[in-house]
Amino acid sequence: MPSDFALKTMNAVHRVIQKVSGGRAGWQVAGMTVVELTTIGRKSGQPRTVLLTSPLREGDAYVVVASRGG
């Protein structure tokens, strides 16, 4: 399993690719759609955003798996 540092680094690089491309690249990884999920921190109340892959899509519904990079 990738380390926390590796996961955070990959996420940061992915965001740079999206930003540099003006949002034209970085929304597909290994044939899966990438979705941006924003939640509110339980203690801080601050928004937290992560990029997740979605292996399945049915209509407007996406399936996401919180697997910590696995």
PDB file of N, CA and C in Angstrom:
ATOM      1  N   MET A   1       0.849  -1.173   0.000  1.00  0.00           N
ATOM      2  CA  MET A   1       0.000   0.000   0.000  1.00  0.00           C
ATOM      3  C   MET A   1       0.900   1.243   0.000  1.00  0.00           C
ATOM      4  N   PRO A   2       0.565   2.246  -0.802  1.00  0.00           N
ATOM      5  CA  PRO A   2       1.374   3.466  -0.854  1.00  0.00           C
ATOM      6  C   PRO A   2       1.362   4.197   0.492  1.00  0.00           C
ATOM      7  N   SER A   3       2.458   4.879   0.789  1.00  0.00           N
ATOM      8  CA  SER A   3       2.539   5.657   2.030  1.00  0.00           C
ATOM      9  C   SER A   3       1.649   6.890   1.934  1.00  0.00           C
ATOM     10  N   ASP A   4       1.374   7.496   3.084  1.00  0.00           N
ATOM     11  CA  ASP A   4       0.573   8.716   3.127  1.00  0.00           C
ATOM     12  C   ASP A   4       1.240   9.808   2.293  1.00  0.00           C
ATOM     13  N   PHE A   5       2.567   9.913   2.405  1.00  0.00           N
ATOM     14  CA  PHE A   5       3.317  10.909   1.638  1.00  0.00           C
ATOM     15  C   PHE A   5       3.146  10.680   0.139  1.00  0.00           C
ATOM     16  N   ALA A   6       3.250   9.414  -0.284  1.00  0.00           N
ATOM     17  CA  ALA A   6       3.113   9.094  -1.713  1.00  0.00           C
ATOM     18  C   ALA A   6       1.722   9.448  -2.221  1.00  0.00           C
ATOM     19  N   LEU A   7       0.693   9.130  -1.449  1.00  0.00           N
ATOM     20  CA  LEU A   7      -0.679   9.442  -1.867  1.00  0.00           C
ATOM     21  C   LEU A   7      -0.899  10.946  -1.981  1.00  0.00           C
ATOM     22  N   LYS A   8      -0.410  11.695  -1.002  1.00  0.00           N
ATOM     23  CA  LYS A   8      -0.571  13.154  -1.036  1.00  0.00           C
ATOM     24  C   LYS A   8       0.205  13.762  -2.206  1.00  0.00           C
ATOM     25  N   THR A   9       1.384  13.204  -2.490  1.00  0.00           N
ATOM     26  CA  THR A   9       2.187  13.687  -3.614  1.00  0.00           C
ATOM     27  C   THR A   9       1.490  13.404  -4.942  1.00  0.00           C
ATOM     28  N   MET A  10       0.969  12.182  -5.099  1.00  0.00           N
ATOM     29  CA  MET A  10       0.246  11.833  -6.336  1.00  0.00           C
ATOM     30  C   MET A  10      -0.971  12.732  -6.527  1.00  0.00           C
ATOM     31  N   ASN A  11      -1.696  13.017  -5.439  1.00  0.00           N
ATOM     32  CA  ASN A  11      -2.871  13.881  -5.520  1.00  0.00           C
ATOM     33  C   ASN A  11      -2.461  15.295  -5.942  1.00  0.00           C
ATOM     34  N   ALA A  12      -1.350  15.792  -5.371  1.00  0.00           N
ATOM     35  CA  ALA A  12      -0.873  17.135  -5.717  1.00  0.00           C
ATOM     36  C   ALA A  12      -0.448  17.209  -7.181  1.00  0.00           C
ATOM     37  N   VAL A  13       0.270  16.197  -7.660  1.00  0.00           N
ATOM     38  CA  VAL A  13       0.697  16.161  -9.066  1.00  0.00           C
ATOM     39  C   VAL A  13      -0.520  16.106  -9.979  1.00  0.00           C
ATOM     40  N   HIS A  14      -1.501  15.313  -9.613  1.00  0.00           N
ATOM     41  CA  HIS A  14      -2.725  15.194 -10.403  1.00  0.00           C
ATOM     42  C   HIS A  14      -3.419  16.554 -10.513  1.00  0.00           C
ATOM     43  N   ARG A  15      -3.498  17.274  -9.399  1.00  0.00           N
ATOM     44  CA  ARG A  15      -4.128  18.604  -9.406  1.00  0.00           C
ATOM     45  C   ARG A  15      -3.354  19.577 -10.297  1.00  0.00           C
ATOM     46  N   VAL A  16      -2.020  19.500 -10.280  1.00  0.00           N
ATOM     47  CA  VAL A  16      -1.200  20.366 -11.135  1.00  0.00           C
ATOM     48  C   VAL A  16      -1.491  20.075 -12.602  1.00  0.00           C
ATOM     49  N   ILE A  17      -1.591  18.801 -12.957  1.00  0.00           N
ATOM     50  CA  ILE A  17      -1.917  18.427 -14.342  1.00  0.00           C
ATOM     51  C   ILE A  17      -3.253  19.028 -14.747  1.00  0.00           C
ATOM     52  N   GLN A  18      -4.247  18.942 -13.870  1.00  0.00           N
ATOM     53  CA  GLN A  18      -5.557  19.514 -14.179  1.00  0.00           C
ATOM     54  C   GLN A  18      -5.476  21.030 -14.324  1.00  0.00           C
ATOM     55  N   LYS A  19      -4.733  21.678 -13.428  1.00  0.00           N
ATOM     56  CA  LYS A  19      -4.632  23.139 -13.466  1.00  0.00           C
ATOM     57  C   LYS A  19      -3.888  23.620 -14.710  1.00  0.00           C
ATOM     58  N   VAL A  20      -2.734  23.008 -14.999  1.00  0.00           N
ATOM     59  CA  VAL A  20      -1.917  23.413 -16.148  1.00  0.00           C
ATOM     60  C   VAL A  20      -2.670  23.204 -17.457  1.00  0.00           C
ATOM     61  N   SER A  21      -3.470  22.144 -17.523  1.00  0.00           N
ATOM     62  CA  SER A  21      -4.215  21.851 -18.756  1.00  0.00           C
ATOM     63  C   SER A  21      -5.522  22.637 -18.846  1.00  0.00           C
ATOM     64  N   GLY A  22      -5.796  23.468 -17.844  1.00  0.00           N
ATOM     65  CA  GLY A  22      -7.055  24.209 -17.852  1.00  0.00           C
ATOM     66  C   GLY A  22      -8.257  23.295 -17.675  1.00  0.00           C
ATOM     67  N   GLY A  23      -8.040  22.158 -17.011  1.00  0.00           N
ATOM     68  CA  GLY A  23      -9.129  21.210 -16.775  1.00  0.00           C
ATOM     69  C   GLY A  23      -9.390  20.260 -17.927  1.00  0.00           C
ATOM     70  N   ARG A  24      -8.552  20.331 -18.978  1.00  0.00           N
ATOM     71  CA  ARG A  24      -8.758  19.449 -20.135  1.00  0.00           C
ATOM     72  C   ARG A  24      -8.174  18.059 -19.922  1.00  0.00           C
ATOM     73  N   ALA A  25      -7.224  17.926 -19.000  1.00  0.00           N
ATOM     74  CA  ALA A  25      -6.586  16.625 -18.747  1.00  0.00           C
ATOM     75  C   ALA A  25      -6.729  16.263 -17.273  1.00  0.00           C
ATOM     76  N   GLY A  26      -6.610  14.983 -16.996  1.00  0.00           N
ATOM     77  CA  GLY A  26      -6.614  14.527 -15.616  1.00  0.00           C
ATOM     78  C   GLY A  26      -7.941  14.019 -15.101  1.00  0.00           C
ATOM     79  N   TRP A  27      -8.926  13.883 -15.984  1.00  0.00           N
ATOM     80  CA  TRP A  27     -10.244  13.405 -15.543  1.00  0.00           C
ATOM     81  C   TRP A  27     -10.466  11.943 -15.889  1.00  0.00           C
ATOM     82  N   GLN A  28      -9.439  11.282 -16.444  1.00  0.00           N
ATOM     83  CA  GLN A  28      -9.458   9.838 -16.722  1.00  0.00           C
ATOM     84  C   GLN A  28      -8.129   9.257 -16.255  1.00  0.00           C
ATOM     85  N   VAL A  29      -8.181   8.172 -15.492  1.00  0.00           N
ATOM     86  CA  VAL A  29      -6.979   7.469 -15.049  1.00  0.00           C
ATOM     87  C   VAL A  29      -7.234   5.981 -15.206  1.00  0.00           C
ATOM     88  N   ALA A  30      -6.389   5.310 -15.961  1.00  0.00           N
ATOM     89  CA  ALA A  30      -6.516   3.861 -16.183  1.00  0.00           C
ATOM     90  C   ALA A  30      -7.925   3.485 -16.640  1.00  0.00           C
ATOM     91  N   GLY A  31      -8.510   4.327 -17.490  1.00  0.00           N
ATOM     92  CA  GLY A  31      -9.837   4.048 -18.025  1.00  0.00           C
ATOM     93  C   GLY A  31     -10.980   4.369 -17.081  1.00  0.00           C
ATOM     94  N   MET A  32     -10.672   4.934 -15.910  1.00  0.00           N
ATOM     95  CA  MET A  32     -11.717   5.272 -14.941  1.00  0.00           C
ATOM     96  C   MET A  32     -11.889   6.786 -14.863  1.00  0.00           C
ATOM     97  N   THR A  33     -13.130   7.212 -14.677  1.00  0.00           N
ATOM     98  CA  THR A  33     -13.421   8.625 -14.498  1.00  0.00           C
ATOM     99  C   THR A  33     -12.897   9.081 -13.143  1.00  0.00           C
ATOM    100  N   VAL A  34     -12.344  10.285 -13.096  1.00  0.00           N
ATOM    101  CA  VAL A  34     -11.896  10.875 -11.836  1.00  0.00           C
ATOM    102  C   VAL A  34     -12.958  11.877 -11.401  1.00  0.00           C
ATOM    103  N   VAL A  35     -13.369  11.777 -10.145  1.00  0.00           N
ATOM    104  CA  VAL A  35     -14.346  12.716  -9.593  1.00  0.00           C
ATOM    105  C   VAL A  35     -13.697  13.467  -8.440  1.00  0.00           C
ATOM    106  N   GLU A  36     -14.154  14.687  -8.236  1.00  0.00           N
ATOM    107  CA  GLU A  36     -13.658  15.507  -7.139  1.00  0.00           C
ATOM    108  C   GLU A  36     -14.721  15.502  -6.049  1.00  0.00           C
ATOM    109  N   LEU A  37     -14.347  15.045  -4.849  1.00  0.00           N
ATOM    110  CA  LEU A  37     -15.279  14.945  -3.734  1.00  0.00           C
ATOM    111  C   LEU A  37     -14.872  15.941  -2.664  1.00  0.00           C
ATOM    112  N   THR A  38     -15.804  16.801  -2.266  1.00  0.00           N
ATOM    113  CA  THR A  38     -15.542  17.767  -1.205  1.00  0.00           C
ATOM    114  C   THR A  38     -16.453  17.457  -0.030  1.00  0.00           C
ATOM    115  N   THR A  39     -15.849  17.333   1.145  1.00  0.00           N
ATOM    116  CA  THR A  39     -16.594  17.117   2.386  1.00  0.00           C
ATOM    117  C   THR A  39     -16.169  18.183   3.384  1.00  0.00           C
ATOM    118  N   ILE A  40     -16.884  18.264   4.485  1.00  0.00           N
ATOM    119  CA  ILE A  40     -16.563  19.220   5.537  1.00  0.00           C
ATOM    120  C   ILE A  40     -15.893  18.472   6.684  1.00  0.00           C
ATOM    121  N   GLY A  41     -14.752  18.980   7.155  1.00  0.00           N
ATOM    122  CA  GLY A  41     -14.036  18.355   8.265  1.00  0.00           C
ATOM    123  C   GLY A  41     -14.889  18.333   9.522  1.00  0.00           C
ATOM    124  N   ARG A  42     -14.913  17.198  10.194  1.00  0.00           N
ATOM    125  CA  ARG A  42     -15.764  17.036  11.380  1.00  0.00           C
ATOM    126  C   ARG A  42     -15.371  18.008  12.488  1.00  0.00           C
ATOM    127  N   LYS A  43     -14.087  18.135  12.773  1.00  0.00           N
ATOM    128  CA  LYS A  43     -13.635  19.004  13.856  1.00  0.00           C
ATOM    129  C   LYS A  43     -13.384  20.436  13.396  1.00  0.00           C
ATOM    130  N   SER A  44     -12.740  20.580  12.231  1.00  0.00           N
ATOM    131  CA  SER A  44     -12.339  21.910  11.769  1.00  0.00           C
ATOM    132  C   SER A  44     -13.472  22.681  11.107  1.00  0.00           C
ATOM    133  N   GLY A  45     -14.418  21.947  10.517  1.00  0.00           N
ATOM    134  CA  GLY A  45     -15.478  22.610   9.762  1.00  0.00           C
ATOM    135  C   GLY A  45     -15.003  23.121   8.411  1.00  0.00           C
ATOM    136  N   GLN A  46     -13.747  22.835   8.053  1.00  0.00           N
ATOM    137  CA  GLN A  46     -13.162  23.303   6.798  1.00  0.00           C
ATOM    138  C   GLN A  46     -13.440  22.307   5.675  1.00  0.00           C
ATOM    139  N   PRO A  47     -13.631  22.801   4.456  1.00  0.00           N
ATOM    140  CA  PRO A  47     -13.835  21.880   3.333  1.00  0.00           C
ATOM    141  C   PRO A  47     -12.555  21.106   3.020  1.00  0.00           C
ATOM    142  N   ARG A  48     -12.705  19.840   2.704  1.00  0.00           N
ATOM    143  CA  ARG A  48     -11.602  18.954   2.312  1.00  0.00           C
ATOM    144  C   ARG A  48     -11.959  18.357   0.963  1.00  0.00           C
ATOM    145  N   THR A  49     -11.066  18.476   0.000  1.00  0.00           N
ATOM    146  CA  THR A  49     -11.338  17.985  -1.348  1.00  0.00           C
ATOM    147  C   THR A  49     -10.311  16.930  -1.730  1.00  0.00           C
ATOM    148  N   VAL A  50     -10.794  15.820  -2.276  1.00  0.00           N
ATOM    149  CA  VAL A  50      -9.922  14.746  -2.752  1.00  0.00           C
ATOM    150  C   VAL A  50     -10.368  14.338  -4.148  1.00  0.00           C
ATOM    151  N   LEU A  51      -9.438  13.771  -4.898  1.00  0.00           N
ATOM    152  CA  LEU A  51      -9.744  13.221  -6.213  1.00  0.00           C
ATOM    153  C   LEU A  51      -9.873  11.714  -6.062  1.00  0.00           C
ATOM    154  N   LEU A  52     -10.963  11.139  -6.543  1.00  0.00           N
ATOM    155  CA  LEU A  52     -11.215   9.708  -6.450  1.00  0.00           C
ATOM    156  C   LEU A  52     -11.511   9.157  -7.834  1.00  0.00           C
ATOM    157  N   THR A  53     -11.129   7.916  -8.066  1.00  0.00           N
ATOM    158  CA  THR A  53     -11.494   7.268  -9.322  1.00  0.00           C
ATOM    159  C   THR A  53     -12.838   6.589  -9.161  1.00  0.00           C
ATOM    160  N   SER A  54     -13.562   6.534 -10.251  1.00  0.00           N
ATOM    161  CA  SER A  54     -14.879   5.902 -10.265  1.00  0.00           C
ATOM    162  C   SER A  54     -14.859   4.773 -11.286  1.00  0.00           C
ATOM    163  N   PRO A  55     -14.774   3.514 -10.813  1.00  0.00           N
ATOM    164  CA  PRO A  55     -14.698   2.400 -11.756  1.00  0.00           C
ATOM    165  C   PRO A  55     -16.005   2.135 -12.501  1.00  0.00           C
ATOM    166  N   LEU A  56     -17.124   2.581 -11.944  1.00  0.00           N
ATOM    167  CA  LEU A  56     -18.426   2.333 -12.567  1.00  0.00           C
ATOM    168  C   LEU A  56     -19.248   3.608 -12.628  1.00  0.00           C
ATOM    169  N   ARG A  57     -20.018   3.725 -13.703  1.00  0.00           N
ATOM    170  CA  ARG A  57     -20.954   4.842 -13.844  1.00  0.00           C
ATOM    171  C   ARG A  57     -22.211   4.304 -14.490  1.00  0.00           C
ATOM    172  N   GLU A  58     -23.348   4.670 -13.921  1.00  0.00           N
ATOM    173  CA  GLU A  58     -24.633   4.267 -14.480  1.00  0.00           C
ATOM    174  C   GLU A  58     -25.521   5.502 -14.546  1.00  0.00           C
ATOM    175  N   GLY A  59     -25.713   6.014 -15.763  1.00  0.00           N
ATOM    176  CA  GLY A  59     -26.468   7.255 -15.911  1.00  0.00           C
ATOM    177  C   GLY A  59     -25.710   8.396 -15.255  1.00  0.00           C
ATOM    178  N   ASP A  60     -26.376   9.095 -14.337  1.00  0.00           N
ATOM    179  CA  ASP A  60     -25.740  10.192 -13.607  1.00  0.00           C
ATOM    180  C   ASP A  60     -25.107   9.734 -12.300  1.00  0.00           C
ATOM    181  N   ALA A  61     -25.184   8.447 -11.986  1.00  0.00           N
ATOM    182  CA  ALA A  61     -24.650   7.922 -10.728  1.00  0.00           C
ATOM    183  C   ALA A  61     -23.233   7.383 -10.929  1.00  0.00           C
ATOM    184  N   TYR A  62     -22.352   7.739 -10.010  1.00  0.00           N
ATOM    185  CA  TYR A  62     -20.972   7.262 -10.024  1.00  0.00           C
ATOM    186  C   TYR A  62     -20.745   6.375  -8.807  1.00  0.00           C
ATOM    187  N   VAL A  63     -19.956   5.332  -8.985  1.00  0.00           N
ATOM    188  CA  VAL A  63     -19.523   4.497  -7.868  1.00  0.00           C
ATOM    189  C   VAL A  63     -18.101   4.917  -7.532  1.00  0.00           C
ATOM    190  N   VAL A  64     -17.852   5.259  -6.278  1.00  0.00           N
ATOM    191  CA  VAL A  64     -16.494   5.586  -5.843  1.00  0.00           C
ATOM    192  C   VAL A  64     -16.102   4.624  -4.730  1.00  0.00           C
ATOM    193  N   VAL A  65     -14.816   4.350  -4.662  1.00  0.00           N
ATOM    194  CA  VAL A  65     -14.308   3.418  -3.663  1.00  0.00           C
ATOM    195  C   VAL A  65     -13.239   4.130  -2.844  1.00  0.00           C
ATOM    196  N   ALA A  66     -13.458   4.235  -1.553  1.00  0.00           N
ATOM    197  CA  ALA A  66     -12.466   4.830  -0.659  1.00  0.00           C
ATOM    198  C   ALA A  66     -11.529   3.722  -0.206  1.00  0.00           C
ATOM    199  N   SER A  67     -10.452   3.503  -0.964  1.00  0.00           N
ATOM    200  CA  SER A  67      -9.584   2.356  -0.710  1.00  0.00           C
ATOM    201  C   SER A  67      -8.169   2.753  -0.291  1.00  0.00           C
ATOM    202  N   ARG A  68      -7.927   4.018  -0.081  1.00  0.00           N
ATOM    203  CA  ARG A  68      -6.595   4.530   0.270  1.00  0.00           C
ATOM    204  C   ARG A  68      -5.534   4.073  -0.721  1.00  0.00           C
ATOM    205  N   GLY A  69      -5.850   4.213  -1.978  1.00  0.00           N
ATOM    206  CA  GLY A  69      -4.876   3.926  -3.027  1.00  0.00           C
ATOM    207  C   GLY A  69      -4.753   2.467  -3.424  1.00  0.00           C
ATOM    208  N   GLY A  70      -5.616   1.610  -2.902  1.00  0.00           N
ATOM    209  CA  GLY A  70      -5.500   0.176  -3.196  1.00  0.00           C
ATOM    210  C   GLY A  70      -6.430  -0.290  -4.266  1.00  0.00           C
TER     211      GLY A  70
END
